PDB file of all heavy atoms in Angstrom:
ATOM      1  N   ILE A   1      67.234 106.134 117.544  1.00  0.00           N
ATOM      2  CA  ILE A   1      66.119 106.745 118.240  1.00  0.00           C
ATOM      3  C   ILE A   1      65.206 105.649 118.779  1.00  0.00           C
ATOM      4  O   ILE A   1      64.985 104.632 118.115  1.00  0.00           O
ATOM      5  CB  ILE A   1      65.348 107.723 117.325  1.00  0.00           C
ATOM      6  CG1 ILE A   1      64.327 108.534 118.134  1.00  0.00           C
ATOM      7  CG2 ILE A   1      64.684 106.995 116.162  1.00  0.00           C
ATOM      8  CD1 ILE A   1      63.704 109.685 117.348  1.00  0.00           C
ATOM      9  N   SER A   2      64.687 105.850 119.987  1.00  0.00           N
ATOM     10  CA  SER A   2      63.793 104.881 120.599  1.00  0.00           C
ATOM     11  C   SER A   2      62.801 105.623 121.485  1.00  0.00           C
ATOM     12  O   SER A   2      62.929 106.832 121.703  1.00  0.00           O
ATOM     13  CB  SER A   2      64.569 103.834 121.402  1.00  0.00           C
ATOM     14  OG  SER A   2      65.301 104.442 122.451  1.00  0.00           O
ATOM     15  N   LYS A   3      61.816 104.900 122.000  1.00  0.00           N
ATOM     16  CA  LYS A   3      60.784 105.538 122.804  1.00  0.00           C
ATOM     17  C   LYS A   3      60.337 104.648 123.945  1.00  0.00           C
ATOM     18  O   LYS A   3      60.501 103.425 123.908  1.00  0.00           O
ATOM     19  CB  LYS A   3      59.578 105.909 121.925  1.00  0.00           C
ATOM     20  CG  LYS A   3      58.897 104.720 121.245  1.00  0.00           C
ATOM     21  CD  LYS A   3      57.755 105.175 120.360  1.00  0.00           C
ATOM     22  CE  LYS A   3      57.150 104.018 119.582  1.00  0.00           C
ATOM     23  NZ  LYS A   3      56.433 103.081 120.476  1.00  0.00           N
ATOM     24  N   ASP A   4      59.763 105.276 124.956  1.00  0.00           N
ATOM     25  CA  ASP A   4      59.143 104.603 126.086  1.00  0.00           C
ATOM     26  C   ASP A   4      57.755 105.201 126.213  1.00  0.00           C
ATOM     27  O   ASP A   4      57.590 106.309 126.721  1.00  0.00           O
ATOM     28  CB  ASP A   4      59.959 104.809 127.364  1.00  0.00           C
ATOM     29  CG  ASP A   4      59.396 104.047 128.553  1.00  0.00           C
ATOM     30  OD1 ASP A   4      58.181 103.798 128.607  1.00  0.00           O
ATOM     31  OD2 ASP A   4      60.192 103.702 129.448  1.00  0.00           O
ATOM     32  N   ASN A   5      56.749 104.484 125.739  1.00  0.00           N
ATOM     33  CA  ASN A   5      55.398 105.021 125.711  1.00  0.00           C
ATOM     34  C   ASN A   5      54.866 105.337 127.109  1.00  0.00           C
ATOM     35  O   ASN A   5      54.161 106.332 127.294  1.00  0.00           O
ATOM     36  CB  ASN A   5      54.458 104.046 125.005  1.00  0.00           C
ATOM     37  CG  ASN A   5      54.756 103.895 123.532  1.00  0.00           C
ATOM     38  OD1 ASN A   5      55.786 103.335 123.155  1.00  0.00           O
ATOM     39  ND2 ASN A   5      53.863 104.391 122.702  1.00  0.00           N
ATOM     40  N   ALA A   6      55.183 104.491 128.090  1.00  0.00           N
ATOM     41  CA  ALA A   6      54.686 104.702 129.443  1.00  0.00           C
ATOM     42  C   ALA A   6      55.194 106.008 130.031  1.00  0.00           C
ATOM     43  O   ALA A   6      54.511 106.641 130.841  1.00  0.00           O
ATOM     44  CB  ALA A   6      55.070 103.532 130.337  1.00  0.00           C
ATOM     45  N   LYS A   7      56.385 106.416 129.642  1.00  0.00           N
ATOM     46  CA  LYS A   7      56.988 107.643 130.156  1.00  0.00           C
ATOM     47  C   LYS A   7      56.834 108.825 129.216  1.00  0.00           C
ATOM     48  O   LYS A   7      57.278 109.930 129.545  1.00  0.00           O
ATOM     49  CB  LYS A   7      58.472 107.427 130.437  1.00  0.00           C
ATOM     50  CG  LYS A   7      58.769 106.417 131.525  1.00  0.00           C
ATOM     51  CD  LYS A   7      60.271 106.285 131.737  1.00  0.00           C
ATOM     52  CE  LYS A   7      60.590 105.314 132.858  1.00  0.00           C
ATOM     53  NZ  LYS A   7      62.057 105.178 133.067  1.00  0.00           N
ATOM     54  N   ASN A   8      56.212 108.597 128.061  1.00  0.00           N
ATOM     55  CA  ASN A   8      56.123 109.640 127.040  1.00  0.00           C
ATOM     56  C   ASN A   8      57.497 110.257 126.779  1.00  0.00           C
ATOM     57  O   ASN A   8      57.654 111.478 126.738  1.00  0.00           O
ATOM     58  CB  ASN A   8      55.119 110.719 127.436  1.00  0.00           C
ATOM     59  CG  ASN A   8      53.693 110.357 127.083  1.00  0.00           C
ATOM     60  OD1 ASN A   8      53.440 109.480 126.253  1.00  0.00           O
ATOM     61  ND2 ASN A   8      52.747 111.038 127.706  1.00  0.00           N
ATOM     62  N   THR A   9      58.461 109.401 126.596  1.00  0.00           N
ATOM     63  CA  THR A   9      59.842 109.829 126.461  1.00  0.00           C
ATOM     64  C   THR A   9      60.470 109.220 125.214  1.00  0.00           C
ATOM     65  O   THR A   9      60.237 108.052 124.905  1.00  0.00           O
ATOM     66  CB  THR A   9      60.667 109.428 127.692  1.00  0.00           C
ATOM     67  OG1 THR A   9      60.122 110.072 128.852  1.00  0.00           O
ATOM     68  CG2 THR A   9      62.122 109.832 127.540  1.00  0.00           C
ATOM     69  N   VAL A  10      61.254 110.026 124.528  1.00  0.00           N
ATOM     70  CA  VAL A  10      62.007 109.559 123.381  1.00  0.00           C
ATOM     71  C   VAL A  10      63.490 109.734 123.679  1.00  0.00           C
ATOM     72  O   VAL A  10      63.887 110.673 124.376  1.00  0.00           O
ATOM     73  CB  VAL A  10      61.595 110.307 122.092  1.00  0.00           C
ATOM     74  CG1 VAL A  10      61.954 111.780 122.168  1.00  0.00           C
ATOM     75  CG2 VAL A  10      62.216 109.645 120.870  1.00  0.00           C
ATOM     76  N   TYR A  11      64.302 108.827 123.152  1.00  0.00           N
ATOM     77  CA  TYR A  11      65.730 108.834 123.405  1.00  0.00           C
ATOM     78  C   TYR A  11      66.495 108.902 122.091  1.00  0.00           C
ATOM     79  O   TYR A  11      66.011 108.462 121.048  1.00  0.00           O
ATOM     80  CB  TYR A  11      66.166 107.573 124.153  1.00  0.00           C
ATOM     81  CG  TYR A  11      65.406 107.336 125.433  1.00  0.00           C
ATOM     82  CD1 TYR A  11      64.274 106.527 125.452  1.00  0.00           C
ATOM     83  CD2 TYR A  11      65.818 107.922 126.625  1.00  0.00           C
ATOM     84  CE1 TYR A  11      63.576 106.304 126.628  1.00  0.00           C
ATOM     85  CE2 TYR A  11      65.124 107.711 127.799  1.00  0.00           C
ATOM     86  CZ  TYR A  11      64.009 106.899 127.799  1.00  0.00           C
ATOM     87  OH  TYR A  11      63.313 106.683 128.970  1.00  0.00           O
ATOM     88  N   LEU A  12      67.685 109.433 122.164  1.00  0.00           N
ATOM     89  CA  LEU A  12      68.594 109.425 121.026  1.00  0.00           C
ATOM     90  C   LEU A  12      69.950 108.948 121.519  1.00  0.00           C
ATOM     91  O   LEU A  12      70.663 109.687 122.201  1.00  0.00           O
ATOM     92  CB  LEU A  12      68.712 110.810 120.389  1.00  0.00           C
ATOM     93  CG  LEU A  12      69.521 110.862 119.096  1.00  0.00           C
ATOM     94  CD1 LEU A  12      68.787 110.136 117.976  1.00  0.00           C
ATOM     95  CD2 LEU A  12      69.803 112.312 118.692  1.00  0.00           C
ATOM     96  N   GLN A  13      70.280 107.703 121.202  1.00  0.00           N
ATOM     97  CA  GLN A  13      71.574 107.140 121.545  1.00  0.00           C
ATOM     98  C   GLN A  13      72.556 107.486 120.435  1.00  0.00           C
ATOM     99  O   GLN A  13      72.323 107.136 119.278  1.00  0.00           O
ATOM    100  CB  GLN A  13      71.480 105.627 121.716  1.00  0.00           C
ATOM    101  CG  GLN A  13      72.796 104.961 122.067  1.00  0.00           C
ATOM    102  CD  GLN A  13      73.278 105.334 123.451  1.00  0.00           C
ATOM    103  OE1 GLN A  13      72.547 105.196 124.422  1.00  0.00           O
ATOM    104  NE2 GLN A  13      74.502 105.821 123.542  1.00  0.00           N
ATOM    105  N   MET A  14      73.629 108.156 120.789  1.00  0.00           N
ATOM    106  CA  MET A  14      74.608 108.613 119.822  1.00  0.00           C
ATOM    107  C   MET A  14      75.954 107.977 120.142  1.00  0.00           C
ATOM    108  O   MET A  14      76.445 108.087 121.265  1.00  0.00           O
ATOM    109  CB  MET A  14      74.733 110.137 119.854  1.00  0.00           C
ATOM    110  CG  MET A  14      73.404 110.864 119.705  1.00  0.00           C
ATOM    111  SD  MET A  14      73.597 112.670 119.622  1.00  0.00           S
ATOM    112  CE  MET A  14      74.229 112.982 121.274  1.00  0.00           C
ATOM    113  N   ILE A  15      76.538 107.314 119.158  1.00  0.00           N
ATOM    114  CA  ILE A  15      77.863 106.723 119.304  1.00  0.00           C
ATOM    115  C   ILE A  15      78.766 107.230 118.194  1.00  0.00           C
ATOM    116  O   ILE A  15      78.308 107.830 117.227  1.00  0.00           O
ATOM    117  CB  ILE A  15      77.806 105.179 119.291  1.00  0.00           C
ATOM    118  CG1 ILE A  15      77.346 104.666 117.922  1.00  0.00           C
ATOM    119  CG2 ILE A  15      76.912 104.662 120.392  1.00  0.00           C
ATOM    120  CD1 ILE A  15      77.465 103.162 117.760  1.00  0.00           C
ATOM    121  N   SER A  16      80.059 106.981 118.349  1.00  0.00           N
ATOM    122  CA  SER A  16      81.046 107.392 117.354  1.00  0.00           C
ATOM    123  C   SER A  16      80.877 108.859 116.986  1.00  0.00           C
ATOM    124  O   SER A  16      80.888 109.237 115.811  1.00  0.00           O
ATOM    125  CB  SER A  16      80.947 106.506 116.108  1.00  0.00           C
ATOM    126  OG  SER A  16      81.159 105.149 116.425  1.00  0.00           O
ATOM    127  N   LEU A  17      80.743 109.687 117.987  1.00  0.00           N
ATOM    128  CA  LEU A  17      80.482 111.103 117.758  1.00  0.00           C
ATOM    129  C   LEU A  17      81.661 111.783 117.073  1.00  0.00           C
ATOM    130  O   LEU A  17      82.818 111.463 117.330  1.00  0.00           O
ATOM    131  CB  LEU A  17      80.160 111.798 119.070  1.00  0.00           C
ATOM    132  CG  LEU A  17      78.749 111.529 119.589  1.00  0.00           C
ATOM    133  CD1 LEU A  17      78.638 111.880 121.065  1.00  0.00           C
ATOM    134  CD2 LEU A  17      77.730 112.324 118.771  1.00  0.00           C
ATOM    135  N   LYS A  18      81.334 112.722 116.206  1.00  0.00           N
ATOM    136  CA  LYS A  18      82.305 113.470 115.440  1.00  0.00           C
ATOM    137  C   LYS A  18      82.189 114.952 115.767  1.00  0.00           C
ATOM    138  O   LYS A  18      81.126 115.412 116.182  1.00  0.00           O
ATOM    139  CB  LYS A  18      82.066 113.272 113.935  1.00  0.00           C
ATOM    140  CG  LYS A  18      82.011 111.827 113.485  1.00  0.00           C
ATOM    141  CD  LYS A  18      81.607 111.735 112.016  1.00  0.00           C
ATOM    142  CE  LYS A  18      81.525 110.304 111.546  1.00  0.00           C
ATOM    143  NZ  LYS A  18      81.101 110.208 110.128  1.00  0.00           N
ATOM    144  N   PRO A  19      83.250 115.721 115.567  1.00  0.00           N
ATOM    145  CA  PRO A  19      83.155 117.160 115.813  1.00  0.00           C
ATOM    146  C   PRO A  19      82.016 117.819 115.049  1.00  0.00           C
ATOM    147  O   PRO A  19      81.399 118.763 115.564  1.00  0.00           O
ATOM    148  CB  PRO A  19      84.521 117.683 115.364  1.00  0.00           C
ATOM    149  CG  PRO A  19      85.449 116.543 115.610  1.00  0.00           C
ATOM    150  CD  PRO A  19      84.640 115.317 115.262  1.00  0.00           C
ATOM    151  N   GLU A  20      81.706 117.338 113.859  1.00  0.00           N
ATOM    152  CA  GLU A  20      80.621 117.921 113.081  1.00  0.00           C
ATOM    153  C   GLU A  20      79.239 117.634 113.657  1.00  0.00           C
ATOM    154  O   GLU A  20      78.247 118.178 113.175  1.00  0.00           O
ATOM    155  CB  GLU A  20      80.683 117.464 111.617  1.00  0.00           C
ATOM    156  CG  GLU A  20      80.777 115.962 111.446  1.00  0.00           C
ATOM    157  CD  GLU A  20      82.203 115.494 111.209  1.00  0.00           C
ATOM    158  OE1 GLU A  20      83.105 115.959 111.936  1.00  0.00           O
ATOM    159  OE2 GLU A  20      82.422 114.671 110.300  1.00  0.00           O
ATOM    160  N   ASP A  21      79.150 116.779 114.675  1.00  0.00           N
ATOM    161  CA  ASP A  21      77.895 116.562 115.380  1.00  0.00           C
ATOM    162  C   ASP A  21      77.616 117.650 116.408  1.00  0.00           C
ATOM    163  O   ASP A  21      76.527 117.681 116.991  1.00  0.00           O
ATOM    164  CB  ASP A  21      77.896 115.206 116.084  1.00  0.00           C
ATOM    165  CG  ASP A  21      77.926 114.034 115.115  1.00  0.00           C
ATOM    166  OD1 ASP A  21      77.223 114.072 114.089  1.00  0.00           O
ATOM    167  OD2 ASP A  21      78.668 113.066 115.394  1.00  0.00           O
ATOM    168  N   THR A  22      78.578 118.510 116.642  1.00  0.00           N
ATOM    169  CA  THR A  22      78.411 119.583 117.614  1.00  0.00           C
ATOM    170  C   THR A  22      77.261 120.497 117.202  1.00  0.00           C
ATOM    171  O   THR A  22      77.245 121.026 116.095  1.00  0.00           O
ATOM    172  CB  THR A  22      79.701 120.394 117.749  1.00  0.00           C
ATOM    173  OG1 THR A  22      80.729 119.564 118.296  1.00  0.00           O
ATOM    174  CG2 THR A  22      79.498 121.597 118.657  1.00  0.00           C
ATOM    175  N   ALA A  23      76.293 120.665 118.097  1.00  0.00           N
ATOM    176  CA  ALA A  23      75.117 121.474 117.798  1.00  0.00           C
ATOM    177  C   ALA A  23      74.224 121.539 119.022  1.00  0.00           C
ATOM    178  O   ALA A  23      74.409 120.800 119.993  1.00  0.00           O
ATOM    179  CB  ALA A  23      74.332 120.889 116.618  1.00  0.00           C
ATOM    180  N   MET A  24      73.236 122.427 118.961  1.00  0.00           N
ATOM    181  CA  MET A  24      72.144 122.406 119.908  1.00  0.00           C
ATOM    182  C   MET A  24      71.104 121.425 119.384  1.00  0.00           C
ATOM    183  O   MET A  24      70.643 121.556 118.246  1.00  0.00           O
ATOM    184  CB  MET A  24      71.543 123.795 120.069  1.00  0.00           C
ATOM    185  CG  MET A  24      70.382 123.865 121.056  1.00  0.00           C
ATOM    186  SD  MET A  24      70.902 123.646 122.779  1.00  0.00           S
ATOM    187  CE  MET A  24      71.724 125.213 123.073  1.00  0.00           C
ATOM    188  N   TYR A  25      70.736 120.460 120.201  1.00  0.00           N
ATOM    189  CA  TYR A  25      69.777 119.440 119.814  1.00  0.00           C
ATOM    190  C   TYR A  25      68.427 119.723 120.459  1.00  0.00           C
ATOM    191  O   TYR A  25      68.341 119.913 121.672  1.00  0.00           O
ATOM    192  CB  TYR A  25      70.269 118.054 120.227  1.00  0.00           C
ATOM    193  CG  TYR A  25      71.364 117.510 119.350  1.00  0.00           C
ATOM    194  CD1 TYR A  25      72.631 118.066 119.367  1.00  0.00           C
ATOM    195  CD2 TYR A  25      71.131 116.435 118.489  1.00  0.00           C
ATOM    196  CE1 TYR A  25      73.636 117.581 118.549  1.00  0.00           C
ATOM    197  CE2 TYR A  25      72.131 115.935 117.674  1.00  0.00           C
ATOM    198  CZ  TYR A  25      73.391 116.514 117.706  1.00  0.00           C
ATOM    199  OH  TYR A  25      74.387 116.020 116.897  1.00  0.00           O
ATOM    200  N   HIS A  26      67.379 119.743 119.649  1.00  0.00           N
ATOM    201  CA  HIS A  26      66.018 119.974 120.105  1.00  0.00           C
ATOM    202  C   HIS A  26      65.152 118.770 119.782  1.00  0.00           C
ATOM    203  O   HIS A  26      65.266 118.193 118.700  1.00  0.00           O
ATOM    204  CB  HIS A  26      65.403 121.196 119.423  1.00  0.00           C
ATOM    205  CG  HIS A  26      66.071 122.489 119.749  1.00  0.00           C
ATOM    206  ND1 HIS A  26      65.595 123.319 120.743  1.00  0.00           N
ATOM    207  CD2 HIS A  26      67.150 123.090 119.214  1.00  0.00           C
ATOM    208  CE1 HIS A  26      66.377 124.394 120.792  1.00  0.00           C
ATOM    209  NE2 HIS A  26      67.319 124.275 119.889  1.00  0.00           N
ATOM    210  N   CYS A  27      64.267 118.409 120.694  1.00  0.00           N
ATOM    211  CA  CYS A  27      63.247 117.433 120.370  1.00  0.00           C
ATOM    212  C   CYS A  27      61.951 118.163 120.075  1.00  0.00           C
ATOM    213  O   CYS A  27      61.753 119.310 120.472  1.00  0.00           O
ATOM    214  CB  CYS A  27      63.054 116.402 121.487  1.00  0.00           C
ATOM    215  SG  CYS A  27      62.320 117.032 123.015  1.00  0.00           S
ATOM    216  N   ALA A  28      61.057 117.499 119.353  1.00  0.00           N
ATOM    217  CA  ALA A  28      59.816 118.122 118.937  1.00  0.00           C
ATOM    218  C   ALA A  28      58.744 117.063 118.738  1.00  0.00           C
ATOM    219  O   ALA A  28      59.044 115.899 118.475  1.00  0.00           O
ATOM    220  CB  ALA A  28      60.022 118.919 117.643  1.00  0.00           C
ATOM    221  N   VAL A  29      57.494 117.501 118.871  1.00  0.00           N
ATOM    222  CA  VAL A  29      56.337 116.640 118.663  1.00  0.00           C
ATOM    223  C   VAL A  29      55.676 117.016 117.347  1.00  0.00           C
ATOM    224  O   VAL A  29      55.372 118.187 117.110  1.00  0.00           O
ATOM    225  CB  VAL A  29      55.320 116.764 119.807  1.00  0.00           C
ATOM    226  CG1 VAL A  29      54.056 115.966 119.483  1.00  0.00           C
ATOM    227  CG2 VAL A  29      55.927 116.289 121.114  1.00  0.00           C
ATOM    228  N   ARG A  30      55.459 116.030 116.517  1.00  0.00           N
ATOM    229  CA  ARG A  30      54.788 116.222 115.236  1.00  0.00           C
ATOM    230  C   ARG A  30      53.305 115.944 115.390  1.00  0.00           C
ATOM    231  O   ARG A  30      52.911 114.825 115.733  1.00  0.00           O
ATOM    232  CB  ARG A  30      55.394 115.309 114.173  1.00  0.00           C
ATOM    233  CG  ARG A  30      54.764 115.425 112.790  1.00  0.00           C
ATOM    234  CD  ARG A  30      55.441 114.464 111.825  1.00  0.00           C
ATOM    235  NE  ARG A  30      54.933 114.571 110.464  1.00  0.00           N
ATOM    236  CZ  ARG A  30      53.931 113.846 109.983  1.00  0.00           C
ATOM    237  NH1 ARG A  30      53.314 112.967 110.761  1.00  0.00           N
ATOM    238  NH2 ARG A  30      53.536 114.002 108.730  1.00  0.00           N
ATOM    239  N   SER A  31      52.486 116.960 115.151  1.00  0.00           N
ATOM    240  CA  SER A  31      51.035 116.808 115.246  1.00  0.00           C
ATOM    241  C   SER A  31      50.328 117.220 113.971  1.00  0.00           C
ATOM    242  O   SER A  31      49.106 117.208 113.918  1.00  0.00           O
ATOM    243  CB  SER A  31      50.486 117.636 116.410  1.00  0.00           C
ATOM    244  OG  SER A  31      51.046 117.236 117.640  1.00  0.00           O
ATOM    245  N   SER A  32      51.077 117.571 112.960  1.00  0.00           N
ATOM    246  CA  SER A  32      50.520 118.073 111.720  1.00  0.00           C
ATOM    247  C   SER A  32      50.908 117.177 110.560  1.00  0.00           C
ATOM    248  O   SER A  32      51.823 116.356 110.666  1.00  0.00           O
ATOM    249  CB  SER A  32      50.996 119.498 111.445  1.00  0.00           C
ATOM    250  OG  SER A  32      50.690 120.359 112.521  1.00  0.00           O
ATOM    251  N   VAL A  33      50.215 117.352 109.475  1.00  0.00           N
ATOM    252  CA  VAL A  33      50.588 116.667 108.254  1.00  0.00           C
ATOM    253  C   VAL A  33      51.834 117.328 107.694  1.00  0.00           C
ATOM    254  O   VAL A  33      52.158 118.474 108.015  1.00  0.00           O
ATOM    255  CB  VAL A  33      49.452 116.690 107.218  1.00  0.00           C
ATOM    256  CG1 VAL A  33      48.243 115.950 107.754  1.00  0.00           C
ATOM    257  CG2 VAL A  33      49.101 118.121 106.847  1.00  0.00           C
TER     258      VAL A  33
END
């Protein structure tokens, strides 16, 4: 996982993917404790 503050963007680089990685992926912002 990485980020670009200027773009307010986060990335997820995924390699060596496996069938068990199959899913719907959601990003989210944490603003709470």
